[in-house]
C-alpha atoms as a PDB file:
ATOM      1  CA  MET A   1      14.136  21.243 -11.171  1.00  0.00           C
ATOM      2  CA  GLU A   2      14.623  20.093  -7.587  1.00  0.00           C
ATOM      3  CA  TYR A   3      10.734  20.300  -7.091  1.00  0.00           C
ATOM      4  CA  LEU A   4       9.951  18.008  -9.796  1.00  0.00           C
ATOM      5  CA  ILE A   5      12.696  15.350  -8.475  1.00  0.00           C
ATOM      6  CA  THR A   6      11.236  15.524  -5.055  1.00  0.00           C
ATOM      7  CA  LEU A   7       7.659  15.073  -6.338  1.00  0.00           C
ATOM      8  CA  GLY A   8       9.028  11.982  -8.596  1.00  0.00           C
ATOM      9  CA  ILE A   9      10.507  10.482  -5.605  1.00  0.00           C
ATOM     10  CA  LEU A  10       7.058  10.593  -3.750  1.00  0.00           C
ATOM     11  CA  ALA A  11       5.272   8.968  -6.471  1.00  0.00           C
ATOM     12  CA  CYS A  12       7.648   6.334  -6.806  1.00  0.00           C
ATOM     13  CA  LEU A  13       7.564   5.755  -2.776  1.00  0.00           C
ATOM     14  CA  SER A  14       3.446   5.753  -3.223  1.00  0.00           C
ATOM     15  CA  ALA A  15       3.571   3.343  -6.278  1.00  0.00           C
ATOM     16  CA  LEU A  16       5.623   1.036  -3.991  1.00  0.00           C
ATOM     17  CA  LEU A  17       3.139   1.123  -1.362  1.00  0.00           C
ATOM     18  CA  ALA A  18       0.038   0.920  -3.847  1.00  0.00           C
ATOM     19  CA  ILE A  19       1.439  -2.099  -5.682  1.00  0.00           C
ATOM     20  CA  GLY A  20       1.949  -4.097  -2.315  1.00  0.00           C
ATOM     21  CA  LEU A  21      -1.434  -3.081  -0.934  1.00  0.00           C
ATOM     22  CA  ASN A  22      -3.020  -3.975  -4.413  1.00  0.00           C
ATOM     23  CA  LEU A  23      -1.921  -7.605  -3.612  1.00  0.00           C
ATOM     24  CA  VAL A  24      -3.603  -7.808  -0.587  1.00  0.00           C
ATOM     25  CA  LEU A  25      -6.877  -5.820  -1.660  1.00  0.00           C
ATOM     26  CA  GLY A  26      -7.228  -6.340  -5.294  1.00  0.00           C
ATOM     27  CA  TYR A  27      -6.122  -9.742  -5.585  1.00  0.00           C
ATOM     28  CA  GLY A  28      -6.383 -11.238  -1.920  1.00  0.00           C
ATOM     29  CA  GLY A  29      -9.889  -9.365  -1.432  1.00  0.00           C
ATOM     30  CA  LEU A  30      -8.659  -8.497   2.053  1.00  0.00           C
ATOM     31  CA  LEU A  31      -9.565  -4.512   3.093  1.00  0.00           C
ATOM     32  CA  SER A  32      -6.773  -3.736   5.501  1.00  0.00           C
ATOM     33  CA  VAL A  33      -6.127   0.133   6.370  1.00  0.00           C
ATOM     34  CA  ALA A  34      -3.048  -0.789   8.220  1.00  0.00           C
ATOM     35  CA  HIS A  35      -0.541  -0.989   5.160  1.00  0.00           C
ATOM     36  CA  PRO A  36       1.157   2.333   5.886  1.00  0.00           C
ATOM     37  CA  ILE A  37       2.477   1.198   9.174  1.00  0.00           C
ATOM     38  CA  PHE A  38       4.505  -1.198   7.804  1.00  0.00           C
ATOM     39  CA  TYR A  39       6.024   1.672   5.929  1.00  0.00           C
ATOM     40  CA  GLY A  40       6.776   3.403   9.194  1.00  0.00           C
ATOM     41  CA  LEU A  41       7.980   0.368  10.955  1.00  0.00           C
ATOM     42  CA  GLY A  42      10.406  -0.133   7.829  1.00  0.00           C
ATOM     43  CA  ALA A  43      11.533   3.098   7.961  1.00  0.00           C
ATOM     44  CA  ASP A  44      12.205   3.090  11.615  1.00  0.00           C
ATOM     45  CA  GLY A  45      13.498  -0.034  11.598  1.00  0.00           C
ATOM     46  CA  SER A  46      16.347   0.626   8.965  1.00  0.00           C
ATOM     47  CA  ALA A  47      17.214   4.048  10.242  1.00  0.00           C
ATOM     48  CA  LEU A  48      17.720   2.415  13.943  1.00  0.00           C
ATOM     49  CA  LEU A  49      19.934  -0.550  12.378  1.00  0.00           C
ATOM     50  CA  VAL A  50      22.079   1.744  10.762  1.00  0.00           C
ATOM     51  CA  MET A  51      22.391   4.619  13.736  1.00  0.00           C
ATOM     52  CA  GLN A  52      22.247   2.042  16.458  1.00  0.00           C
ATOM     53  CA  ALA A  53      23.975  -1.122  15.249  1.00  0.00           C
ATOM     54  CA  ASP A  54      26.254   0.406  12.294  1.00  0.00           C
ATOM     55  CA  VAL A  55      24.491  -2.068   9.968  1.00  0.00           C
ATOM     56  CA  PRO A  56      24.942  -0.962   6.276  1.00  0.00           C
ATOM     57  CA  ILE A  57      22.514   1.015   4.858  1.00  0.00           C
ATOM     58  CA  PRO A  58      21.621  -1.879   2.094  1.00  0.00           C
ATOM     59  CA  ALA A  59      21.414  -4.550   4.465  1.00  0.00           C
ATOM     60  CA  ALA A  60      19.400  -2.342   7.053  1.00  0.00           C
ATOM     61  CA  ILE A  61      16.984  -1.931   4.492  1.00  0.00           C
ATOM     62  CA  VAL A  62      16.452  -5.568   3.469  1.00  0.00           C
ATOM     63  CA  LEU A  63      16.290  -6.523   7.463  1.00  0.00           C
ATOM     64  CA  ALA A  64      13.586  -3.997   7.865  1.00  0.00           C
ATOM     65  CA  ALA A  65      11.684  -5.612   5.122  1.00  0.00           C
ATOM     66  CA  ILE A  66      12.097  -9.032   6.247  1.00  0.00           C
ATOM     67  CA  GLY A  67      11.189  -7.589   9.871  1.00  0.00           C
ATOM     68  CA  CYS A  68       7.888  -5.919   8.464  1.00  0.00           C
ATOM     69  CA  ALA A  69       6.795  -9.255   6.393  1.00  0.00           C
ATOM     70  CA  ALA A  70       7.057 -11.066  10.015  1.00  0.00           C
ATOM     71  CA  ALA A  71       5.372  -8.023  11.600  1.00  0.00           C
ATOM     72  CA  SER A  72       2.426  -8.824   9.328  1.00  0.00           C
ATOM     73  CA  VAL A  73       1.602 -12.339  10.659  1.00  0.00           C
ATOM     74  CA  PRO A  74      -0.449 -11.243  13.733  1.00  0.00           C
ATOM     75  CA  LEU A  75      -2.654  -9.150  11.440  1.00  0.00           C
ATOM     76  CA  ALA A  76      -2.804 -11.945   8.641  1.00  0.00           C
ATOM     77  CA  LEU A  77      -3.936 -14.395  11.678  1.00  0.00           C
ATOM     78  CA  CYS A  78      -6.442 -11.934  12.451  1.00  0.00           C
ATOM     79  CA  SER A  79      -8.308 -12.532   8.947  1.00  0.00           C
ATOM     80  CA  LEU A  80      -9.017 -15.682   9.766  1.00  0.00           C
ATOM     81  CA  ARG A  81     -11.617 -15.057  12.124  1.00  0.00           C
ATOM     82  CA  VAL A  82     -13.099 -11.898  10.905  1.00  0.00           C
ATOM     83  CA  SER A  83     -13.337 -10.257   7.313  1.00  0.00           C
ATOM     84  CA  GLY A  84     -15.198  -7.407   5.691  1.00  0.00           C
ATOM     85  CA  ASP A  85     -16.160  -4.717   7.597  1.00  0.00           C
ATOM     86  CA  TYR A  86     -14.848  -6.325  10.844  1.00  0.00           C
ATOM     87  CA  PHE A  87     -11.372  -6.606   9.486  1.00  0.00           C
ATOM     88  CA  VAL A  88     -11.074  -3.183   8.312  1.00  0.00           C
ATOM     89  CA  ILE A  89     -11.898  -2.247  12.091  1.00  0.00           C
ATOM     90  CA  VAL A  90      -9.064  -4.860  13.054  1.00  0.00           C
ATOM     91  CA  SER A  91      -6.472  -3.401  10.890  1.00  0.00           C
ATOM     92  CA  LEU A  92      -7.407   0.061  11.926  1.00  0.00           C
ATOM     93  CA  GLY A  93      -6.880  -0.934  15.442  1.00  0.00           C
ATOM     94  CA  PHE A  94      -3.572  -2.694  14.484  1.00  0.00           C
ATOM     95  CA  GLN A  95      -2.462   0.682  12.770  1.00  0.00           C
ATOM     96  CA  LEU A  96      -3.479   2.850  15.895  1.00  0.00           C
ATOM     97  CA  GLY A  97      -2.024   0.634  18.250  1.00  0.00           C
ATOM     98  CA  VAL A  98       1.562   0.130  16.787  1.00  0.00           C
ATOM     99  CA  LEU A  99       1.652   4.011  15.955  1.00  0.00           C
ATOM    100  CA  GLN A 100       0.821   4.816  19.524  1.00  0.00           C
ATOM    101  CA  ILE A 101       3.678   2.514  20.718  1.00  0.00           C
ATOM    102  CA  ILE A 102       6.159   4.344  18.080  1.00  0.00           C
ATOM    103  CA  ASN A 103       4.785   7.498  19.080  1.00  0.00           C
ATOM    104  CA  ASN A 104       5.729   7.069  22.765  1.00  0.00           C
ATOM    105  CA  ILE A 105       9.132   5.309  23.086  1.00  0.00           C
ATOM    106  CA  GLU A 106      12.267   6.720  23.079  1.00  0.00           C
ATOM    107  CA  ILE A 107      14.223   4.801  20.713  1.00  0.00           C
ATOM    108  CA  THR A 108      12.080   6.090  17.542  1.00  0.00           C
ATOM    109  CA  GLY A 109      12.483   9.508  19.074  1.00  0.00           C
ATOM    110  CA  ALA A 110       8.974   9.406  20.333  1.00  0.00           C
ATOM    111  CA  SER A 111       6.654  12.220  18.682  1.00  0.00           C
ATOM    112  CA  GLY A 112       9.562  14.167  17.675  1.00  0.00           C
ATOM    113  CA  GLY A 113      10.685  11.364  15.306  1.00  0.00           C
ATOM    114  CA  LEU A 114      14.253  10.407  14.259  1.00  0.00           C
ATOM    115  CA  SER A 115      16.321  12.997  12.250  1.00  0.00           C
ATOM    116  CA  ARG A 116      19.818  12.877  10.712  1.00  0.00           C
ATOM    117  CA  ILE A 117      19.441   9.929   9.196  1.00  0.00           C
ATOM    118  CA  PRO A 118      22.383   8.689   7.222  1.00  0.00           C
ATOM    119  CA  THR A 119      21.767   8.400   3.595  1.00  0.00           C
ATOM    120  CA  PHE A 120      23.305   6.265   0.888  1.00  0.00           C
ATOM    121  CA  VAL A 121      23.355   9.247  -1.651  1.00  0.00           C
ATOM    122  CA  HIS A 122      25.904  12.077  -1.686  1.00  0.00           C
ATOM    123  CA  GLY A 123      26.618  14.920  -3.899  1.00  0.00           C
ATOM    124  CA  PRO A 124      25.037  17.609  -5.460  1.00  0.00           C
ATOM    125  CA  ASP A 125      22.919  15.300  -7.841  1.00  0.00           C
ATOM    126  CA  ARG A 126      21.749  12.873  -4.850  1.00  0.00           C
ATOM    127  CA  GLY A 127      18.028  13.983  -5.656  1.00  0.00           C
ATOM    128  CA  LEU A 128      18.414  12.712  -9.314  1.00  0.00           C
ATOM    129  CA  ILE A 129      20.589   9.747  -8.338  1.00  0.00           C
ATOM    130  CA  GLY A 130      17.992   8.957  -5.676  1.00  0.00           C
ATOM    131  CA  LEU A 131      15.056   8.980  -8.050  1.00  0.00           C
ATOM    132  CA  GLY A 132      16.741   6.856 -10.349  1.00  0.00           C
ATOM    133  CA  VAL A 133      17.305   4.097  -7.774  1.00  0.00           C
ATOM    134  CA  LEU A 134      13.798   4.203  -7.057  1.00  0.00           C
ATOM    135  CA  VAL A 135      12.515   3.931 -10.533  1.00  0.00           C
ATOM    136  CA  LEU A 136      14.556   0.856 -10.532  1.00  0.00           C
ATOM    137  CA  VAL A 137      12.988  -0.499  -7.816  1.00  0.00           C
ATOM    138  CA  VAL A 138       9.673   0.205  -8.845  1.00  0.00           C
ATOM    139  CA  ALA A 139      10.274  -1.575 -12.327  1.00  0.00           C
ATOM    140  CA  VAL A 140      11.576  -4.735 -10.299  1.00  0.00           C
ATOM    141  CA  VAL A 141       8.795  -4.811  -7.913  1.00  0.00           C
ATOM    142  CA  LEU A 142       6.110  -4.314 -10.584  1.00  0.00           C
ATOM    143  CA  LEU A 143       7.772  -7.109 -12.713  1.00  0.00           C
ATOM    144  CA  LEU A 144       7.568  -9.317  -9.348  1.00  0.00           C
ATOM    145  CA  SER A 145       4.087  -8.570  -8.811  1.00  0.00           C
ATOM    146  CA  ARG A 146       3.195  -9.388 -12.169  1.00  0.00           C
ATOM    147  CA  ALA A 147       5.074 -12.678 -11.922  1.00  0.00           C
ATOM    148  CA  VAL A 148       3.159 -13.410  -8.496  1.00  0.00           C
ATOM    149  CA  VAL A 149      -0.133 -12.794 -10.036  1.00  0.00           C
ATOM    150  CA  ARG A 150       0.482 -14.968 -13.149  1.00  0.00           C
ATOM    151  CA  SER A 151       2.053 -17.535 -11.084  1.00  0.00           C
ATOM    152  CA  PRO A 152      -0.245 -20.900  -9.800  1.00  0.00           C
ATOM    153  CA  PHE A 153      -0.286 -19.010  -6.398  1.00  0.00           C
ATOM    154  CA  GLY A 154      -1.534 -15.849  -7.872  1.00  0.00           C
ATOM    155  CA  ARG A 155      -4.016 -17.777  -9.678  1.00  0.00           C
ATOM    156  CA  ALA A 156      -4.977 -19.582  -6.291  1.00  0.00           C
ATOM    157  CA  LEU A 157      -5.223 -16.326  -4.375  1.00  0.00           C
ATOM    158  CA  THR A 158      -7.715 -14.675  -6.910  1.00  0.00           C
ATOM    159  CA  ALA A 159      -9.907 -18.052  -6.481  1.00  0.00           C
ATOM    160  CA  MET A 160      -9.393 -17.189  -2.906  1.00  0.00           C
ATOM    161  CA  ARG A 161     -10.892 -13.781  -3.173  1.00  0.00           C
ATOM    162  CA  ASN A 162     -13.941 -15.289  -5.105  1.00  0.00           C
ATOM    163  CA  ASP A 163     -14.868 -18.226  -2.963  1.00  0.00           C
ATOM    164  CA  GLU A 164     -12.589 -19.154  -0.232  1.00  0.00           C
ATOM    165  CA  GLU A 165     -14.538 -22.120   0.824  1.00  0.00           C
ATOM    166  CA  ALA A 166     -14.471 -23.529  -2.797  1.00  0.00           C
ATOM    167  CA  LEU A 167     -10.475 -23.316  -2.856  1.00  0.00           C
ATOM    168  CA  ALA A 168     -10.215 -24.915   0.437  1.00  0.00           C
ATOM    169  CA  ALA A 169     -12.643 -27.493  -0.873  1.00  0.00           C
ATOM    170  CA  LEU A 170      -9.884 -28.025  -3.785  1.00  0.00           C
ATOM    171  CA  GLY A 171      -7.272 -28.844  -1.339  1.00  0.00           C
ATOM    172  CA  ARG A 172      -5.369 -25.398  -0.914  1.00  0.00           C
ATOM    173  CA  ASP A 173      -4.638 -23.899   2.258  1.00  0.00           C
ATOM    174  CA  PRO A 174      -5.946 -20.029   2.671  1.00  0.00           C
ATOM    175  CA  VAL A 175      -4.493 -19.474   6.227  1.00  0.00           C
ATOM    176  CA  ARG A 176      -0.764 -20.019   4.249  1.00  0.00           C
ATOM    177  CA  MET A 177      -1.903 -18.086   1.106  1.00  0.00           C
ATOM    178  CA  LYS A 178      -3.404 -14.911   3.590  1.00  0.00           C
ATOM    179  CA  MET A 179      -0.145 -14.803   5.392  1.00  0.00           C
ATOM    180  CA  ALA A 180       2.106 -15.243   2.515  1.00  0.00           C
ATOM    181  CA  VAL A 181       0.356 -12.526   0.751  1.00  0.00           C
ATOM    182  CA  PHE A 182       0.159 -10.146   3.661  1.00  0.00           C
ATOM    183  CA  ALA A 183       4.050 -10.816   4.241  1.00  0.00           C
ATOM    184  CA  LEU A 184       5.015 -10.149   0.976  1.00  0.00           C
ATOM    185  CA  SER A 185       2.775  -7.014   0.803  1.00  0.00           C
ATOM    186  CA  ALA A 186       4.336  -5.726   4.356  1.00  0.00           C
ATOM    187  CA  GLY A 187       7.874  -6.465   3.278  1.00  0.00           C
ATOM    188  CA  ILE A 188       7.402  -4.481   0.079  1.00  0.00           C
ATOM    189  CA  ALA A 189       6.222  -1.631   2.361  1.00  0.00           C
ATOM    190  CA  GLY A 190       8.878  -1.838   4.661  1.00  0.00           C
ATOM    191  CA  PHE A 191      11.324  -1.696   1.801  1.00  0.00           C
ATOM    192  CA  ALA A 192       9.894   1.445   0.910  1.00  0.00           C
ATOM    193  CA  GLY A 193       9.902   2.858   4.297  1.00  0.00           C
ATOM    194  CA  GLY A 194      13.833   2.044   4.471  1.00  0.00           C
ATOM    195  CA  LEU A 195      14.103   3.828   1.300  1.00  0.00           C
ATOM    196  CA  TYR A 196      12.385   6.686   2.261  1.00  0.00           C
ATOM    197  CA  ALA A 197      14.210   6.930   5.735  1.00  0.00           C
ATOM    198  CA  HIS A 198      17.592   7.166   4.159  1.00  0.00           C
ATOM    199  CA  LEU A 199      16.491   9.674   1.372  1.00  0.00           C
ATOM    200  CA  PHE A 200      14.787  12.179   3.326  1.00  0.00           C
ATOM    201  CA  GLN A 201      16.585  11.538   6.747  1.00  0.00           C
ATOM    202  CA  PHE A 202      13.905  12.347   8.888  1.00  0.00           C
ATOM    203  CA  LEU A 203      11.056  10.752  10.336  1.00  0.00           C
ATOM    204  CA  THR A 204       8.182  11.456  12.135  1.00  0.00           C
ATOM    205  CA  PRO A 205       5.108   9.145  13.350  1.00  0.00           C
ATOM    206  CA  LEU A 206       2.363  11.370  11.592  1.00  0.00           C
ATOM    207  CA  GLN A 207       3.764  10.424   8.204  1.00  0.00           C
ATOM    208  CA  PHE A 208       2.127   7.172   8.740  1.00  0.00           C
ATOM    209  CA  GLY A 209      -1.513   7.771  10.206  1.00  0.00           C
ATOM    210  CA  ILE A 210      -4.904   7.121   8.732  1.00  0.00           C
ATOM    211  CA  GLU A 211      -4.458   9.930   6.205  1.00  0.00           C
ATOM    212  CA  ARG A 212      -1.635   7.840   4.548  1.00  0.00           C
ATOM    213  CA  SER A 213      -4.189   4.822   4.592  1.00  0.00           C
ATOM    214  CA  THR A 214      -6.802   6.899   3.013  1.00  0.00           C
ATOM    215  CA  ALA A 215      -4.556   8.179   0.259  1.00  0.00           C
ATOM    216  CA  LEU A 216      -3.134   4.355  -0.699  1.00  0.00           C
ATOM    217  CA  LEU A 217      -6.928   3.403  -0.821  1.00  0.00           C
ATOM    218  CA  THR A 218      -7.474   6.156  -3.371  1.00  0.00           C
ATOM    219  CA  MET A 219      -4.679   5.182  -5.413  1.00  0.00           C
ATOM    220  CA  VAL A 220      -5.573   1.622  -5.955  1.00  0.00           C
ATOM    221  CA  VAL A 221      -9.257   2.193  -6.465  1.00  0.00           C
ATOM    222  CA  VAL A 222      -8.348   5.119  -9.047  1.00  0.00           C
ATOM    223  CA  GLY A 223      -5.739   3.023 -10.769  1.00  0.00           C
ATOM    224  CA  GLY A 224      -7.563   0.226 -10.693  1.00  0.00           C
ATOM    225  CA  ALA A 225      -7.499  -2.626  -8.089  1.00  0.00           C
ATOM    226  CA  ALA A 226      -6.484  -6.448  -9.217  1.00  0.00           C
ATOM    227  CA  THR A 227      -4.531  -4.586 -12.499  1.00  0.00           C
ATOM    228  CA  ILE A 228      -0.791  -4.700 -12.876  1.00  0.00           C
ATOM    229  CA  TRP A 229      -0.557  -1.003 -14.181  1.00  0.00           C
ATOM    230  CA  GLY A 230      -3.455   0.222 -11.802  1.00  0.00           C
ATOM    231  CA  PRO A 231      -1.528   1.236  -8.621  1.00  0.00           C
ATOM    232  CA  LEU A 232       1.260   2.849 -10.303  1.00  0.00           C
ATOM    233  CA  VAL A 233      -1.004   5.022 -12.428  1.00  0.00           C
ATOM    234  CA  GLY A 234      -3.011   5.781  -9.443  1.00  0.00           C
ATOM    235  CA  ALA A 235       0.267   6.425  -7.321  1.00  0.00           C
ATOM    236  CA  VAL A 236       1.438   8.851 -10.010  1.00  0.00           C
ATOM    237  CA  LEU A 237      -1.840  10.872 -10.388  1.00  0.00           C
ATOM    238  CA  MET A 238      -2.693  11.127  -6.721  1.00  0.00           C
ATOM    239  CA  THR A 239       0.801  12.204  -6.007  1.00  0.00           C
ATOM    240  CA  CYS A 240       0.923  14.805  -8.609  1.00  0.00           C
ATOM    241  CA  VAL A 241      -2.609  16.158  -8.766  1.00  0.00           C
ATOM    242  CA  PRO A 242      -3.296  17.352  -5.415  1.00  0.00           C
ATOM    243  CA  GLN A 243       0.194  19.370  -5.492  1.00  0.00           C
ATOM    244  CA  ALA A 244      -1.403  21.487  -8.110  1.00  0.00           C
ATOM    245  CA  ILE A 245      -3.489  23.355  -5.149  1.00  0.00           C
ATOM    246  CA  GLN A 246      -0.193  24.620  -3.761  1.00  0.00           C
ATOM    247  CA  PHE A 247       0.044  26.949  -6.993  1.00  0.00           C
ATOM    248  CA  LEU A 248      -3.320  28.469  -6.089  1.00  0.00           C
ATOM    249  CA  ASN A 249      -1.349  30.232  -3.151  1.00  0.00           C
ATOM    250  CA  LEU A 250      -4.235  29.249  -0.803  1.00  0.00           C
ATOM    251  CA  PRO A 251      -3.851  29.572   2.944  1.00  0.00           C
ATOM    252  CA  PRO A 252      -2.889  26.173   4.546  1.00  0.00           C
ATOM    253  CA  ALA A 253      -6.327  26.134   6.455  1.00  0.00           C
ATOM    254  CA  ILE A 254      -8.128  26.042   3.277  1.00  0.00           C
ATOM    255  CA  GLY A 255      -5.672  23.891   1.370  1.00  0.00           C
ATOM    256  CA  GLY A 256      -5.037  21.119   3.732  1.00  0.00           C
ATOM    257  CA  PRO A 257      -8.915  20.350   3.948  1.00  0.00           C
ATOM    258  CA  ILE A 258      -9.324  20.954  -0.088  1.00  0.00           C
ATOM    259  CA  GLN A 259      -6.516  18.105  -0.547  1.00  0.00           C
ATOM    260  CA  GLY A 260      -8.248  16.014   1.933  1.00  0.00           C
ATOM    261  CA  MET A 261     -11.418  16.179  -0.175  1.00  0.00           C
ATOM    262  CA  ILE A 262     -10.069  15.233  -3.342  1.00  0.00           C
ATOM    263  CA  PHE A 263      -9.005  12.041  -2.112  1.00  0.00           C
ATOM    264  CA  SER A 264     -12.698  11.347  -0.775  1.00  0.00           C
ATOM    265  CA  VAL A 265     -14.438  12.764  -3.758  1.00  0.00           C
ATOM    266  CA  LEU A 266     -12.365  10.704  -6.509  1.00  0.00           C
ATOM    267  CA  VAL A 267     -12.931   7.244  -4.366  1.00  0.00           C
ATOM    268  CA  LEU A 268     -16.882   7.979  -4.092  1.00  0.00           C
ATOM    269  CA  ALA A 269     -16.726   9.138  -7.958  1.00  0.00           C
ATOM    270  CA  PHE A 270     -14.816   6.077  -9.019  1.00  0.00           C
ATOM    271  CA  LEU A 271     -16.688   3.382  -6.798  1.00  0.00           C
ATOM    272  CA  PHE A 272     -20.165   4.377  -8.453  1.00  0.00           C
ATOM    273  CA  LEU A 273     -18.921   5.162 -11.979  1.00  0.00           C
ATOM    274  CA  ARG A 274     -15.947   3.414 -12.609  1.00  0.00           C
ATOM    275  CA  PRO A 275     -15.398   0.609 -10.216  1.00  0.00           C
ATOM    276  CA  GLN A 276     -12.968  -0.776 -12.380  1.00  0.00           C
ATOM    277  CA  GLY A 277     -10.654   1.937 -12.127  1.00  0.00           C
ATOM    278  CA  LEU A 278      -8.572   3.659 -14.748  1.00  0.00           C
ATOM    279  CA  MET A 279      -6.748   0.578 -15.855  1.00  0.00           C
ATOM    280  CA  GLY A 280      -9.487  -1.881 -15.370  1.00  0.00           C
ATOM    281  CA  GLY A 281     -11.501  -3.576 -18.199  1.00  0.00           C
ATOM    282  CA  SER A 282     -15.123  -3.793 -18.625  1.00  0.00           C
ATOM    283  CA  ARG A 283     -15.393  -7.371 -18.489  1.00  0.00           C
ATOM    284  CA  GLY A 284     -14.345  -8.253 -15.005  1.00  0.00           C
ATOM    285  CA  GLY A 285     -10.630  -7.125 -15.864  1.00  0.00           C
ATOM    286  CA  GLY A 286      -9.674  -5.688 -12.915  1.00  0.00           C
ATOM    287  CA  GLY A 287     -11.272  -3.232 -10.449  1.00  0.00           C
ATOM    288  CA  LEU A 288     -14.016  -3.666  -7.743  1.00  0.00           C
ATOM    289  CA  ASP A 289     -15.876  -5.816 -10.348  1.00  0.00           C
ATOM    290  CA  ALA A 290     -13.248  -8.597 -10.216  1.00  0.00           C
ATOM    291  CA  TRP A 291     -14.200  -9.373  -6.859  1.00  0.00           C
ATOM    292  CA  SER A 292     -17.509 -10.803  -8.325  1.00  0.00           C
ATOM    293  CA  GLY A 293     -15.946 -12.062 -11.635  1.00  0.00           C
ATOM    294  CA  GLY A 294     -17.097  -9.007 -13.204  1.00  0.00           C
ATOM    295  CA  ARG A 295     -20.870  -9.675 -12.239  1.00  0.00           C
ATOM    296  CA  ARG A 296     -22.806  -7.118 -10.385  1.00  0.00           C
ATOM    297  CA  PRO A 297     -24.190  -8.355  -6.727  1.00  0.00           C
ATOM    298  CA  GLY A 298     -27.625  -7.291  -7.943  1.00  0.00           C
ATOM    299  CA  LYS A 299     -27.244  -9.250 -11.421  1.00  0.00           C
ATOM    300  CA  ASP A 300     -26.328 -12.199  -9.225  1.00  0.00           C
ATOM    301  CA  ARG A 301     -29.141 -12.099  -6.596  1.00  0.00           C
ATOM    302  CA  GLY A 302     -31.730 -11.950  -9.838  1.00  0.00           C
ATOM    303  CA  ARG A 303     -29.671 -15.126 -11.530  1.00  0.00           C
ATOM    304  CA  ARG A 304     -30.183 -16.927  -8.126  1.00  0.00           C
ATOM    305  CA  ALA A 305     -33.983 -15.919  -7.983  1.00  0.00           C
ATOM    306  CA  GLU A 306     -34.637 -17.051 -11.397  1.00  0.00           C
ATOM    307  CA  ALA A 307     -32.746 -20.507 -10.710  1.00  0.00           C
ATOM    308  CA  ALA A 308     -34.861 -20.882  -7.342  1.00  0.00           C
ATOM    309  CA  SER A 309     -38.335 -20.561  -9.475  1.00  0.00           C
END
């Protein structure tokens, strides 16, 4: 039972991260792989506020989330000069750079990480209570995401994803929109990181590396980018399915690489066979097809060639 509760907690934390990443990737059209570093900053920041400054845990988690939102500004500004594959490289450099800082300063425990972090849940049922808190938080964040997407800001964000120049011509400021969506996404990740720190009470920089980025990208693509429920479905599936390998009693040297291969194979399969993801529709209703309004690039080129002739 304890194993299932822990699995549920991890699935909820992954869902929070995937929902936040979906706002940037699915609706904003900005492919960033630096999302897990805000998760790590939120975890370390909240833990240090409690351990070093005696800040109450709920306040520390909120302050850490606000700090992560502020820390996302440099990355958002980078998206103004570079895009596409180049922005992926910039976001990767941002993640690795911040990770190296965390990995080499004493206040965060350096490579050894932090341990004995205070928790906000005590008693024999702490795991079940923690899971209940996370389910409630996921529900609130999901409703928040839905409200943002259906608001005028969300519709403008989708327009920016499809044609940034046209949006600017209509008088909207893409700069502010990118900064806002990055801040919201990073704030959600930081909040999730704070919850993780005070539930598991141990942190290490290895938990927020590039492997985490790959897993999150898989969750969003498999569930369905630019959909409300897709990140949640993808997070639950991609948290639970790889765990089934443990029941095969394979050696760690074999089981670990197989888990990594699952993410790679699923991303490639969905990119080619079902780019809209599990929860996306067949007519531009989410998924990677939504970036072109449901039209394939090849078809668009064909239409433009016919129009030109």
